[in-house]
Amino acid sequence: MVDVFKKPITADQVKAKGIALGADLVGIADGKAMNAFPPDPRDPRRPSDLSDLDADRVIVLAKRCNSGSTRLARWNDRHKLYNDELALASLEETVLELICWLEECGYPAIAVPPTYVDRGFYRGDPAAHMTTILSLSHAAVEAGLGTLGLNLQLITPQFGPRVLLAAALSSVPVQPDRRMEQTLCLGPSCGRCLKACPGDVVGHWDRDWQNCDRYRSPQGFAHLVEHITRAIEEPDPERQKALVRSEESFNLWQSMLRGSGINTGCRRCQDVCPVGADYTPMLKDALDEIPEATPAKQARLDAMAAAEARGERSSAGQAQTRWIGELSYLKPTP
């Protein structure tokens, strides 16, 4: 681009514009650092893979989840899923408006949607876990918005993990933010995310993503394929008609109208996390009790805490150290 068409802007101006357009948090990651440190080196999803011209900066925007919907304890409450979809749609509009503003200033930009999966990575198995084209949780850590928690969800100081993320790529020459050095997560001594998980998929700084997908996207592609297959293979004509006309078909149709239950789904682990300035005043009275907790889950957490006390880190935790941060809760109290 010809420099004469570029207006001088600062990182503070970019972040202020994102907030003015409707984001609750905005951070700027160094695209080159993200290229150098992909979350999974075996399958790197890097900014440079999306654009080799305009990916020097990854501008990450976060929208908080509504406290009212968060207080609904049932993980698959459809009204809750719909509220999240509205927030997600609003966030995507904010990203688009920010991109338009950047381009008015002379800096080309491109959106990184939070739900898009490149079809080139689909291998014919609807149940297989597929990741998005860029890990926005890791990008958010690089942008200084927070750190990863025990189940590898982003945790922010303001809203804990109760945020939705989107991003814009641009080579606008502004100062990137710095990563937080100390983890915000309280680790297995807290373990509320593990205790509350309906699918019991939380590990030691890890998550069973494939089984989690059944909850994160309860009306998603895998469920749609299974439902259609059941209907096709049903030998009894009357039962086949009943499947086609079932509540399940209605829920799938309704989900496809807006993405509720497809792009949005279970966030029980996010809801119950005690980190975040919003938890005590807005959520604690509704969410402090965790009915999903079991002695077996507690025993797993105790084993994790004991391993950390011995100085042992899980292999998954070691691989994610850059984004988890230093385990400050293990430091002796002076």
C-alpha atoms as a PDB file:
ATOM      1  CA  MET A   1       0.000   0.000   0.000  1.00  0.00           C
ATOM      2  CA  VAL A   2       1.143   3.552  -0.732  1.00  0.00           C
ATOM      3  CA  ASP A   3       1.998   5.307   2.535  1.00  0.00           C
ATOM      4  CA  VAL A   4       0.300   8.552   1.503  1.00  0.00           C
ATOM      5  CA  PHE A   5      -3.087   6.832   1.861  1.00  0.00           C
ATOM      6  CA  LYS A   6      -2.381   5.656   5.416  1.00  0.00           C
ATOM      7  CA  LYS A   7      -3.492   7.694   8.407  1.00  0.00           C
ATOM      8  CA  PRO A   8      -1.233   7.494  11.467  1.00  0.00           C
ATOM      9  CA  ILE A   9      -3.099   5.592  14.212  1.00  0.00           C
ATOM     10  CA  THR A  10      -2.053   4.070  17.532  1.00  0.00           C
ATOM     11  CA  ALA A  11      -2.845   0.857  19.371  1.00  0.00           C
ATOM     12  CA  ASP A  12      -4.915   2.835  21.882  1.00  0.00           C
ATOM     13  CA  GLN A  13      -6.995   4.265  19.061  1.00  0.00           C
ATOM     14  CA  VAL A  14      -7.609   0.814  17.571  1.00  0.00           C
ATOM     15  CA  LYS A  15      -8.697  -0.569  20.954  1.00  0.00           C
ATOM     16  CA  ALA A  16     -10.849   2.459  21.744  1.00  0.00           C
ATOM     17  CA  LYS A  17     -12.593   2.086  18.389  1.00  0.00           C
ATOM     18  CA  GLY A  18     -13.303  -1.590  19.064  1.00  0.00           C
ATOM     19  CA  ILE A  19     -14.824  -0.726  22.446  1.00  0.00           C
ATOM     20  CA  ALA A  20     -16.877   2.090  20.937  1.00  0.00           C
ATOM     21  CA  LEU A  21     -18.239  -0.322  18.328  1.00  0.00           C
ATOM     22  CA  GLY A  22     -19.462  -2.749  20.988  1.00  0.00           C
ATOM     23  CA  ALA A  23     -16.625  -4.997  22.158  1.00  0.00           C
ATOM     24  CA  ASP A  24     -16.054  -5.358  25.894  1.00  0.00           C
ATOM     25  CA  LEU A  25     -12.329  -6.154  25.600  1.00  0.00           C
ATOM     26  CA  VAL A  26      -9.800  -5.541  22.823  1.00  0.00           C
ATOM     27  CA  GLY A  27      -6.178  -6.649  22.615  1.00  0.00           C
ATOM     28  CA  ILE A  28      -3.574  -6.706  19.859  1.00  0.00           C
ATOM     29  CA  ALA A  29      -1.348  -9.736  19.288  1.00  0.00           C
ATOM     30  CA  ASP A  30       1.895  -9.849  17.337  1.00  0.00           C
ATOM     31  CA  GLY A  31       1.183 -11.972  14.259  1.00  0.00           C
ATOM     32  CA  LYS A  32       4.855 -12.839  13.888  1.00  0.00           C
ATOM     33  CA  ALA A  33       4.959 -14.249  17.417  1.00  0.00           C
ATOM     34  CA  MET A  34       1.857 -16.323  16.669  1.00  0.00           C
ATOM     35  CA  ASN A  35       3.544 -17.624  13.506  1.00  0.00           C
ATOM     36  CA  ALA A  36       6.597 -18.615  15.547  1.00  0.00           C
ATOM     37  CA  PHE A  37       4.626 -20.249  18.375  1.00  0.00           C
ATOM     38  CA  PRO A  38       1.571 -22.099  17.001  1.00  0.00           C
ATOM     39  CA  PRO A  39      -0.501 -23.883  19.695  1.00  0.00           C
ATOM     40  CA  ASP A  40      -0.066 -27.231  17.922  1.00  0.00           C
ATOM     41  CA  PRO A  41       3.156 -27.427  15.880  1.00  0.00           C
ATOM     42  CA  ARG A  42       1.876 -30.655  14.263  1.00  0.00           C
ATOM     43  CA  ASP A  43      -1.033 -28.702  12.800  1.00  0.00           C
ATOM     44  CA  PRO A  44      -0.037 -25.028  12.856  1.00  0.00           C
ATOM     45  CA  ARG A  45      -2.884 -22.615  12.267  1.00  0.00           C
ATOM     46  CA  ARG A  46      -0.985 -19.349  11.843  1.00  0.00           C
ATOM     47  CA  PRO A  47      -1.960 -15.822  10.812  1.00  0.00           C
ATOM     48  CA  SER A  48       0.418 -16.150   7.856  1.00  0.00           C
ATOM     49  CA  ASP A  49      -1.646 -19.115   6.623  1.00  0.00           C
ATOM     50  CA  LEU A  50      -4.630 -16.781   6.232  1.00  0.00           C
ATOM     51  CA  SER A  51      -2.817 -13.811   4.712  1.00  0.00           C
ATOM     52  CA  ASP A  52       0.812 -13.341   3.770  1.00  0.00           C
ATOM     53  CA  LEU A  53       0.243  -9.608   3.302  1.00  0.00           C
ATOM     54  CA  ASP A  54      -1.949  -8.336   6.129  1.00  0.00           C
ATOM     55  CA  ALA A  55      -1.362 -10.485   9.219  1.00  0.00           C
ATOM     56  CA  ASP A  56       1.308  -8.653  11.214  1.00  0.00           C
ATOM     57  CA  ARG A  57      -1.296  -7.863  13.868  1.00  0.00           C
ATOM     58  CA  VAL A  58      -4.164  -9.966  15.214  1.00  0.00           C
ATOM     59  CA  ILE A  59      -6.742  -7.681  16.820  1.00  0.00           C
ATOM     60  CA  VAL A  60      -8.769  -9.803  19.249  1.00  0.00           C
ATOM     61  CA  LEU A  61     -12.188  -8.628  20.412  1.00  0.00           C
ATOM     62  CA  ALA A  62     -14.197 -10.127  23.259  1.00  0.00           C
ATOM     63  CA  LYS A  63     -17.898  -9.805  24.064  1.00  0.00           C
ATOM     64  CA  ARG A  64     -19.047 -10.833  27.507  1.00  0.00           C
ATOM     65  CA  CYS A  65     -21.754 -13.423  27.948  1.00  0.00           C
ATOM     66  CA  ASN A  66     -24.938 -12.043  29.487  1.00  0.00           C
ATOM     67  CA  SER A  67     -25.048 -12.582  33.238  1.00  0.00           C
ATOM     68  CA  GLY A  68     -28.764 -13.328  33.066  1.00  0.00           C
ATOM     69  CA  SER A  69     -28.271 -16.248  30.695  1.00  0.00           C
ATOM     70  CA  THR A  70     -25.199 -17.393  32.617  1.00  0.00           C
ATOM     71  CA  ARG A  71     -27.366 -17.771  35.720  1.00  0.00           C
ATOM     72  CA  LEU A  72     -29.438 -20.426  33.905  1.00  0.00           C
ATOM     73  CA  ALA A  73     -27.811 -23.555  35.293  1.00  0.00           C
ATOM     74  CA  ARG A  74     -29.026 -26.081  32.704  1.00  0.00           C
ATOM     75  CA  TRP A  75     -26.192 -26.343  30.184  1.00  0.00           C
ATOM     76  CA  ASN A  76     -28.445 -26.986  27.165  1.00  0.00           C
ATOM     77  CA  ASP A  77     -31.175 -24.457  27.904  1.00  0.00           C
ATOM     78  CA  ARG A  78     -32.160 -23.311  24.403  1.00  0.00           C
ATOM     79  CA  HIS A  79     -32.892 -19.760  25.543  1.00  0.00           C
ATOM     80  CA  LYS A  80     -29.347 -19.618  26.896  1.00  0.00           C
ATOM     81  CA  LEU A  81     -27.941 -20.844  23.577  1.00  0.00           C
ATOM     82  CA  TYR A  82     -30.000 -18.226  21.740  1.00  0.00           C
ATOM     83  CA  ASN A  83     -28.727 -15.406  23.964  1.00  0.00           C
ATOM     84  CA  ASP A  84     -25.150 -16.453  23.220  1.00  0.00           C
ATOM     85  CA  GLU A  85     -25.892 -16.531  19.497  1.00  0.00           C
ATOM     86  CA  LEU A  86     -27.202 -12.950  19.676  1.00  0.00           C
ATOM     87  CA  ALA A  87     -23.997 -11.870  21.435  1.00  0.00           C
ATOM     88  CA  LEU A  88     -21.914 -13.706  18.835  1.00  0.00           C
ATOM     89  CA  ALA A  89     -23.776 -12.039  15.968  1.00  0.00           C
ATOM     90  CA  SER A  90     -23.230  -8.644  17.589  1.00  0.00           C
ATOM     91  CA  LEU A  91     -19.510  -9.369  17.996  1.00  0.00           C
ATOM     92  CA  GLU A  92     -19.145 -10.352  14.356  1.00  0.00           C
ATOM     93  CA  GLU A  93     -20.768  -7.073  13.324  1.00  0.00           C
ATOM     94  CA  THR A  94     -18.318  -5.230  15.570  1.00  0.00           C
ATOM     95  CA  VAL A  95     -15.373  -6.938  13.855  1.00  0.00           C
ATOM     96  CA  LEU A  96     -16.720  -6.000  10.428  1.00  0.00           C
ATOM     97  CA  GLU A  97     -17.209  -2.371  11.455  1.00  0.00           C
ATOM     98  CA  LEU A  98     -13.682  -2.256  12.890  1.00  0.00           C
ATOM     99  CA  ILE A  99     -12.319  -3.632   9.611  1.00  0.00           C
ATOM    100  CA  CYS A 100     -14.199  -0.966   7.652  1.00  0.00           C
ATOM    101  CA  TRP A 101     -12.697   1.715   9.897  1.00  0.00           C
ATOM    102  CA  LEU A 102      -9.180   0.286   9.511  1.00  0.00           C
ATOM    103  CA  GLU A 103      -9.560   0.293   5.744  1.00  0.00           C
ATOM    104  CA  GLU A 104     -10.822   3.877   5.799  1.00  0.00           C
ATOM    105  CA  CYS A 105      -7.545   4.649   7.569  1.00  0.00           C
ATOM    106  CA  GLY A 106      -5.636   2.895   4.777  1.00  0.00           C
ATOM    107  CA  TYR A 107      -4.953  -0.518   6.331  1.00  0.00           C
ATOM    108  CA  PRO A 108      -6.468  -3.610   4.655  1.00  0.00           C
ATOM    109  CA  ALA A 109      -7.924  -6.119   7.133  1.00  0.00           C
ATOM    110  CA  ILE A 110      -9.713  -9.464   7.185  1.00  0.00           C
ATOM    111  CA  ALA A 111     -12.078 -11.052   9.697  1.00  0.00           C
ATOM    112  CA  VAL A 112     -11.247 -14.233  11.599  1.00  0.00           C
ATOM    113  CA  PRO A 113     -14.628 -15.749  12.482  1.00  0.00           C
ATOM    114  CA  PRO A 114     -14.873 -17.721  15.727  1.00  0.00           C
ATOM    115  CA  THR A 115     -16.821 -20.651  14.271  1.00  0.00           C
ATOM    116  CA  TYR A 116     -15.573 -21.187  10.728  1.00  0.00           C
ATOM    117  CA  VAL A 117     -13.854 -24.524  10.015  1.00  0.00           C
ATOM    118  CA  ASP A 118     -11.987 -24.928   6.727  1.00  0.00           C
ATOM    119  CA  ARG A 119     -13.786 -27.615   4.722  1.00  0.00           C
ATOM    120  CA  GLY A 120     -10.430 -28.765   3.366  1.00  0.00           C
ATOM    121  CA  PHE A 121      -9.730 -30.374   6.743  1.00  0.00           C
ATOM    122  CA  TYR A 122     -12.926 -32.464   6.750  1.00  0.00           C
ATOM    123  CA  ARG A 123     -12.169 -36.169   6.290  1.00  0.00           C
ATOM    124  CA  GLY A 124     -15.660 -37.641   6.081  1.00  0.00           C
ATOM    125  CA  ASP A 125     -16.084 -38.301   9.817  1.00  0.00           C
ATOM    126  CA  PRO A 126     -18.736 -35.971  11.280  1.00  0.00           C
ATOM    127  CA  ALA A 127     -17.800 -36.972  14.844  1.00  0.00           C
ATOM    128  CA  ALA A 128     -14.104 -36.081  14.514  1.00  0.00           C
ATOM    129  CA  HIS A 129     -12.974 -32.911  16.259  1.00  0.00           C
ATOM    130  CA  MET A 130     -12.128 -30.080  13.878  1.00  0.00           C
ATOM    131  CA  THR A 131     -10.463 -26.885  14.983  1.00  0.00           C
ATOM    132  CA  THR A 132     -11.112 -23.402  13.671  1.00  0.00           C
ATOM    133  CA  ILE A 133      -8.764 -21.729  11.213  1.00  0.00           C
ATOM    134  CA  LEU A 134      -7.056 -19.829  14.056  1.00  0.00           C
ATOM    135  CA  SER A 135      -7.192 -20.483  17.800  1.00  0.00           C
ATOM    136  CA  LEU A 136      -8.740 -17.308  19.140  1.00  0.00           C
ATOM    137  CA  SER A 137      -8.158 -18.355  22.754  1.00  0.00           C
ATOM    138  CA  HIS A 138      -4.413 -18.511  22.131  1.00  0.00           C
ATOM    139  CA  ALA A 139      -4.567 -15.288  20.124  1.00  0.00           C
ATOM    140  CA  ALA A 140      -6.322 -13.616  23.055  1.00  0.00           C
ATOM    141  CA  VAL A 141      -3.512 -14.685  25.393  1.00  0.00           C
ATOM    142  CA  GLU A 142      -0.939 -13.284  22.965  1.00  0.00           C
ATOM    143  CA  ALA A 143      -3.025 -10.087  22.917  1.00  0.00           C
ATOM    144  CA  GLY A 144      -2.778  -9.718  26.694  1.00  0.00           C
ATOM    145  CA  LEU A 145      -6.438 -10.401  27.451  1.00  0.00           C
ATOM    146  CA  GLY A 146      -5.881 -13.316  29.838  1.00  0.00           C
ATOM    147  CA  THR A 147      -4.417 -16.793  30.275  1.00  0.00           C
ATOM    148  CA  LEU A 148      -5.589 -20.346  29.625  1.00  0.00           C
ATOM    149  CA  GLY A 149      -7.238 -22.314  32.401  1.00  0.00           C
ATOM    150  CA  LEU A 150      -7.182 -25.945  33.531  1.00  0.00           C
ATOM    151  CA  ASN A 151      -9.401 -26.963  30.617  1.00  0.00           C
ATOM    152  CA  LEU A 152      -7.577 -24.622  28.178  1.00  0.00           C
ATOM    153  CA  GLN A 153     -10.365 -22.039  28.093  1.00  0.00           C
ATOM    154  CA  LEU A 154      -9.412 -18.369  28.046  1.00  0.00           C
ATOM    155  CA  ILE A 155      -9.765 -16.661  31.431  1.00  0.00           C
ATOM    156  CA  THR A 156      -9.880 -12.863  31.670  1.00  0.00           C
ATOM    157  CA  PRO A 157      -9.573 -10.701  34.807  1.00  0.00           C
ATOM    158  CA  GLN A 158     -12.822  -8.885  34.035  1.00  0.00           C
ATOM    159  CA  PHE A 159     -15.202 -11.693  33.063  1.00  0.00           C
ATOM    160  CA  GLY A 160     -13.324 -14.902  33.800  1.00  0.00           C
ATOM    161  CA  PRO A 161     -13.929 -17.253  30.858  1.00  0.00           C
ATOM    162  CA  ARG A 162     -17.404 -15.844  30.162  1.00  0.00           C
ATOM    163  CA  VAL A 163     -16.525 -14.202  26.845  1.00  0.00           C
ATOM    164  CA  LEU A 164     -17.007 -14.830  23.136  1.00  0.00           C
ATOM    165  CA  LEU A 165     -14.104 -14.069  20.802  1.00  0.00           C
ATOM    166  CA  ALA A 166     -13.527 -12.869  17.262  1.00  0.00           C
ATOM    167  CA  ALA A 167     -10.565 -11.230  15.557  1.00  0.00           C
ATOM    168  CA  ALA A 168      -9.333  -9.153  12.648  1.00  0.00           C
ATOM    169  CA  LEU A 169      -6.020  -9.508  10.850  1.00  0.00           C
ATOM    170  CA  SER A 170      -4.232  -6.384   9.654  1.00  0.00           C
ATOM    171  CA  SER A 171      -0.714  -5.123   9.194  1.00  0.00           C
ATOM    172  CA  VAL A 172      -1.548  -1.807  10.816  1.00  0.00           C
ATOM    173  CA  PRO A 173       1.783  -0.733  12.394  1.00  0.00           C
ATOM    174  CA  VAL A 174       0.725  -0.420  16.037  1.00  0.00           C
ATOM    175  CA  GLN A 175       2.341  -1.716  19.211  1.00  0.00           C
ATOM    176  CA  PRO A 176       1.150  -5.217  20.181  1.00  0.00           C
ATOM    177  CA  ASP A 177       0.170  -6.045  23.744  1.00  0.00           C
ATOM    178  CA  ARG A 178       2.202  -8.274  26.061  1.00  0.00           C
ATOM    179  CA  ARG A 179       1.186 -11.649  27.404  1.00  0.00           C
ATOM    180  CA  MET A 180       0.371 -12.013  31.088  1.00  0.00           C
ATOM    181  CA  GLU A 181       3.172 -13.833  32.893  1.00  0.00           C
ATOM    182  CA  GLN A 182       1.145 -15.326  35.780  1.00  0.00           C
ATOM    183  CA  THR A 183      -1.792 -17.672  35.292  1.00  0.00           C
ATOM    184  CA  LEU A 184      -5.218 -16.420  36.323  1.00  0.00           C
ATOM    185  CA  CYS A 185      -6.487 -19.973  36.812  1.00  0.00           C
ATOM    186  CA  LEU A 186      -6.567 -21.386  40.357  1.00  0.00           C
ATOM    187  CA  GLY A 187      -5.649 -24.854  39.115  1.00  0.00           C
ATOM    188  CA  PRO A 188      -6.821 -28.245  40.411  1.00  0.00           C
ATOM    189  CA  SER A 189      -7.170 -26.934  43.961  1.00  0.00           C
ATOM    190  CA  CYS A 190     -10.222 -25.131  42.561  1.00  0.00           C
ATOM    191  CA  GLY A 191     -11.201 -27.438  39.698  1.00  0.00           C
ATOM    192  CA  ARG A 192     -14.741 -26.118  39.439  1.00  0.00           C
ATOM    193  CA  CYS A 193     -14.618 -26.473  35.664  1.00  0.00           C
ATOM    194  CA  LEU A 194     -13.854 -30.181  35.994  1.00  0.00           C
ATOM    195  CA  LYS A 195     -16.483 -30.717  38.690  1.00  0.00           C
ATOM    196  CA  ALA A 196     -19.223 -29.036  36.661  1.00  0.00           C
ATOM    197  CA  CYS A 197     -18.498 -30.549  33.241  1.00  0.00           C
ATOM    198  CA  PRO A 198     -21.532 -32.619  32.121  1.00  0.00           C
ATOM    199  CA  GLY A 199     -19.376 -34.661  29.737  1.00  0.00           C
ATOM    200  CA  ASP A 200     -16.493 -35.102  32.214  1.00  0.00           C
ATOM    201  CA  VAL A 201     -13.984 -34.067  29.528  1.00  0.00           C
ATOM    202  CA  VAL A 202     -11.655 -31.786  31.547  1.00  0.00           C
ATOM    203  CA  GLY A 203      -8.119 -33.037  32.115  1.00  0.00           C
ATOM    204  CA  HIS A 204      -4.950 -31.680  33.717  1.00  0.00           C
ATOM    205  CA  TRP A 205      -4.424 -28.535  31.625  1.00  0.00           C
ATOM    206  CA  ASP A 206      -6.143 -30.434  28.856  1.00  0.00           C
ATOM    207  CA  ARG A 207      -9.538 -31.312  27.416  1.00  0.00           C
ATOM    208  CA  ASP A 208     -11.065 -34.207  25.470  1.00  0.00           C
ATOM    209  CA  TRP A 209     -12.117 -31.985  22.598  1.00  0.00           C
ATOM    210  CA  GLN A 210     -13.914 -34.629  20.557  1.00  0.00           C
ATOM    211  CA  ASN A 211     -16.278 -35.566  23.391  1.00  0.00           C
ATOM    212  CA  CYS A 212     -16.576 -31.912  24.402  1.00  0.00           C
ATOM    213  CA  ASP A 213     -17.879 -31.116  20.898  1.00  0.00           C
ATOM    214  CA  ARG A 214     -21.067 -33.056  21.659  1.00  0.00           C
ATOM    215  CA  TYR A 215     -21.813 -30.459  24.328  1.00  0.00           C
ATOM    216  CA  ARG A 216     -20.235 -27.377  22.737  1.00  0.00           C
ATOM    217  CA  SER A 217     -22.335 -27.983  19.605  1.00  0.00           C
ATOM    218  CA  PRO A 218     -25.286 -30.130  20.715  1.00  0.00           C
ATOM    219  CA  GLN A 219     -27.250 -29.499  17.503  1.00  0.00           C
ATOM    220  CA  GLY A 220     -24.182 -29.494  15.294  1.00  0.00           C
ATOM    221  CA  PHE A 221     -23.158 -31.425  12.204  1.00  0.00           C
ATOM    222  CA  ALA A 222     -22.430 -34.722  13.973  1.00  0.00           C
ATOM    223  CA  HIS A 223     -25.860 -34.757  15.607  1.00  0.00           C
ATOM    224  CA  LEU A 224     -27.560 -33.773  12.347  1.00  0.00           C
ATOM    225  CA  VAL A 225     -25.876 -36.630  10.460  1.00  0.00           C
ATOM    226  CA  GLU A 226     -26.835 -39.156  13.143  1.00  0.00           C
ATOM    227  CA  HIS A 227     -30.448 -38.028  13.174  1.00  0.00           C
ATOM    228  CA  ILE A 228     -30.780 -38.160   9.378  1.00  0.00           C
ATOM    229  CA  THR A 229     -29.084 -41.570   9.308  1.00  0.00           C
ATOM    230  CA  ARG A 230     -31.519 -42.942  11.899  1.00  0.00           C
ATOM    231  CA  ALA A 231     -34.448 -41.704   9.825  1.00  0.00           C
ATOM    232  CA  ILE A 232     -33.073 -43.157   6.582  1.00  0.00           C
ATOM    233  CA  GLU A 233     -32.283 -46.541   8.113  1.00  0.00           C
ATOM    234  CA  GLU A 234     -35.572 -46.925  10.035  1.00  0.00           C
ATOM    235  CA  PRO A 235     -37.367 -49.863   8.338  1.00  0.00           C
ATOM    236  CA  ASP A 236     -40.816 -49.089   9.723  1.00  0.00           C
ATOM    237  CA  PRO A 237     -42.500 -46.352   7.591  1.00  0.00           C
ATOM    238  CA  GLU A 238     -44.552 -44.955  10.465  1.00  0.00           C
ATOM    239  CA  ARG A 239     -41.546 -44.728  12.797  1.00  0.00           C
ATOM    240  CA  GLN A 240     -39.567 -43.169   9.969  1.00  0.00           C
ATOM    241  CA  LYS A 241     -42.210 -40.461   9.570  1.00  0.00           C
ATOM    242  CA  ALA A 242     -42.198 -39.943  13.331  1.00  0.00           C
ATOM    243  CA  LEU A 243     -38.431 -39.346  13.293  1.00  0.00           C
ATOM    244  CA  VAL A 244     -38.739 -36.837  10.453  1.00  0.00           C
ATOM    245  CA  ARG A 245     -41.522 -35.004  12.305  1.00  0.00           C
ATOM    246  CA  SER A 246     -39.946 -35.342  15.750  1.00  0.00           C
ATOM    247  CA  GLU A 247     -39.016 -32.638  18.216  1.00  0.00           C
ATOM    248  CA  GLU A 248     -35.400 -33.457  17.375  1.00  0.00           C
ATOM    249  CA  SER A 249     -35.997 -32.473  13.746  1.00  0.00           C
ATOM    250  CA  PHE A 250     -37.719 -29.298  14.906  1.00  0.00           C
ATOM    251  CA  ASN A 251     -34.800 -28.415  17.198  1.00  0.00           C
ATOM    252  CA  LEU A 252     -32.289 -28.998  14.406  1.00  0.00           C
ATOM    253  CA  TRP A 253     -34.299 -26.840  12.007  1.00  0.00           C
ATOM    254  CA  GLN A 254     -34.650 -24.087  14.598  1.00  0.00           C
ATOM    255  CA  SER A 255     -30.931 -24.249  15.393  1.00  0.00           C
ATOM    256  CA  MET A 256     -30.009 -23.810  11.742  1.00  0.00           C
ATOM    257  CA  LEU A 257     -32.053 -20.616  11.541  1.00  0.00           C
ATOM    258  CA  ARG A 258     -29.606 -18.736  13.785  1.00  0.00           C
ATOM    259  CA  GLY A 259     -26.885 -21.187  14.813  1.00  0.00           C
ATOM    260  CA  SER A 260     -28.191 -21.562  18.380  1.00  0.00           C
ATOM    261  CA  GLY A 261     -26.967 -24.955  19.552  1.00  0.00           C
ATOM    262  CA  ILE A 262     -24.592 -25.151  16.567  1.00  0.00           C
ATOM    263  CA  ASN A 263     -22.242 -22.190  16.950  1.00  0.00           C
ATOM    264  CA  THR A 264     -23.196 -21.901  20.601  1.00  0.00           C
ATOM    265  CA  GLY A 265     -23.546 -24.666  23.161  1.00  0.00           C
ATOM    266  CA  CYS A 266     -22.477 -25.808  26.601  1.00  0.00           C
ATOM    267  CA  ARG A 267     -20.414 -23.346  28.624  1.00  0.00           C
ATOM    268  CA  ARG A 268     -20.994 -24.825  32.059  1.00  0.00           C
ATOM    269  CA  CYS A 269     -17.249 -24.740  32.782  1.00  0.00           C
ATOM    270  CA  GLN A 270     -17.203 -21.038  31.923  1.00  0.00           C
ATOM    271  CA  ASP A 271     -20.241 -20.258  34.045  1.00  0.00           C
ATOM    272  CA  VAL A 272     -18.911 -21.679  37.324  1.00  0.00           C
ATOM    273  CA  CYS A 273     -15.332 -20.337  37.143  1.00  0.00           C
ATOM    274  CA  PRO A 274     -14.811 -18.069  40.181  1.00  0.00           C
ATOM    275  CA  VAL A 275     -12.191 -15.927  38.415  1.00  0.00           C
ATOM    276  CA  GLY A 276     -13.428 -12.610  37.064  1.00  0.00           C
ATOM    277  CA  ALA A 277     -14.693  -9.386  38.582  1.00  0.00           C
ATOM    278  CA  ASP A 278     -18.234 -10.333  37.528  1.00  0.00           C
ATOM    279  CA  TYR A 279     -18.504 -13.620  39.443  1.00  0.00           C
ATOM    280  CA  THR A 280     -19.162 -12.539  43.032  1.00  0.00           C
ATOM    281  CA  PRO A 281     -21.604  -9.655  42.415  1.00  0.00           C
ATOM    282  CA  MET A 282     -23.532 -11.217  39.505  1.00  0.00           C
ATOM    283  CA  LEU A 283     -23.229 -15.005  39.544  1.00  0.00           C
ATOM    284  CA  LYS A 284     -22.065 -16.513  42.829  1.00  0.00           C
ATOM    285  CA  ASP A 285     -25.506 -16.812  44.437  1.00  0.00           C
ATOM    286  CA  ALA A 286     -26.854 -18.778  41.454  1.00  0.00           C
ATOM    287  CA  LEU A 287     -23.832 -20.911  40.564  1.00  0.00           C
ATOM    288  CA  ASP A 288     -21.792 -21.590  43.692  1.00  0.00           C
ATOM    289  CA  GLU A 289     -23.276 -25.050  44.195  1.00  0.00           C
ATOM    290  CA  ILE A 290     -22.122 -27.641  41.647  1.00  0.00           C
ATOM    291  CA  PRO A 291     -24.561 -30.583  41.514  1.00  0.00           C
ATOM    292  CA  GLU A 292     -22.400 -32.394  38.922  1.00  0.00           C
ATOM    293  CA  ALA A 293     -19.525 -32.794  41.417  1.00  0.00           C
ATOM    294  CA  THR A 294     -18.701 -36.385  42.382  1.00  0.00           C
ATOM    295  CA  PRO A 295     -16.145 -38.081  44.655  1.00  0.00           C
ATOM    296  CA  ALA A 296     -14.446 -39.535  41.559  1.00  0.00           C
ATOM    297  CA  LYS A 297     -13.973 -36.062  40.059  1.00  0.00           C
ATOM    298  CA  GLN A 298     -12.612 -34.754  43.351  1.00  0.00           C
ATOM    299  CA  ALA A 299     -10.179 -37.675  43.558  1.00  0.00           C
ATOM    300  CA  ARG A 300      -8.837 -36.803  40.104  1.00  0.00           C
ATOM    301  CA  LEU A 301      -8.376 -33.174  41.134  1.00  0.00           C
ATOM    302  CA  ASP A 302      -6.594 -34.229  44.340  1.00  0.00           C
ATOM    303  CA  ALA A 303      -4.204 -36.369  42.280  1.00  0.00           C
ATOM    304  CA  MET A 304      -3.497 -33.431  39.960  1.00  0.00           C
ATOM    305  CA  ALA A 305      -2.832 -31.101  42.909  1.00  0.00           C
ATOM    306  CA  ALA A 306      -0.510 -33.657  44.519  1.00  0.00           C
ATOM    307  CA  ALA A 307       1.434 -34.049  41.273  1.00  0.00           C
ATOM    308  CA  GLU A 308       1.879 -30.283  40.993  1.00  0.00           C
ATOM    309  CA  ALA A 309       3.039 -30.097  44.615  1.00  0.00           C
ATOM    310  CA  ARG A 310       5.779 -32.592  43.650  1.00  0.00           C
ATOM    311  CA  GLY A 311       6.786 -30.316  40.805  1.00  0.00           C
ATOM    312  CA  GLU A 312       5.234 -32.491  38.097  1.00  0.00           C
ATOM    313  CA  ARG A 313       3.419 -31.002  35.108  1.00  0.00           C
ATOM    314  CA  SER A 314       1.261 -32.944  32.705  1.00  0.00           C
ATOM    315  CA  SER A 315       2.605 -33.257  29.156  1.00  0.00           C
ATOM    316  CA  ALA A 316      -0.374 -31.239  27.912  1.00  0.00           C
ATOM    317  CA  GLY A 317       0.354 -28.546  30.486  1.00  0.00           C
ATOM    318  CA  GLN A 318       4.006 -28.385  29.483  1.00  0.00           C
ATOM    319  CA  ALA A 319       3.019 -27.948  25.834  1.00  0.00           C
ATOM    320  CA  GLN A 320       0.741 -25.030  26.745  1.00  0.00           C
ATOM    321  CA  THR A 321       3.021 -23.300  29.270  1.00  0.00           C
ATOM    322  CA  ARG A 322       3.410 -20.204  27.090  1.00  0.00           C
ATOM    323  CA  TRP A 323      -0.335 -19.534  27.280  1.00  0.00           C
ATOM    324  CA  ILE A 324      -1.092 -20.918  30.750  1.00  0.00           C
ATOM    325  CA  GLY A 325       1.579 -18.795  32.410  1.00  0.00           C
ATOM    326  CA  GLU A 326       3.506 -19.401  35.597  1.00  0.00           C
ATOM    327  CA  LEU A 327       1.518 -21.288  38.242  1.00  0.00           C
ATOM    328  CA  SER A 328       1.635 -18.526  40.819  1.00  0.00           C
ATOM    329  CA  TYR A 329      -0.629 -20.396  43.230  1.00  0.00           C
ATOM    330  CA  LEU A 330       2.219 -22.879  43.830  1.00  0.00           C
ATOM    331  CA  LYS A 331       4.524 -20.160  45.166  1.00  0.00           C
ATOM    332  CA  PRO A 332       4.953 -20.263  48.959  1.00  0.00           C
ATOM    333  CA  THR A 333       3.193 -17.464  50.817  1.00  0.00           C
ATOM    334  CA  PRO A 334       5.774 -15.038  52.276  1.00  0.00           C
END
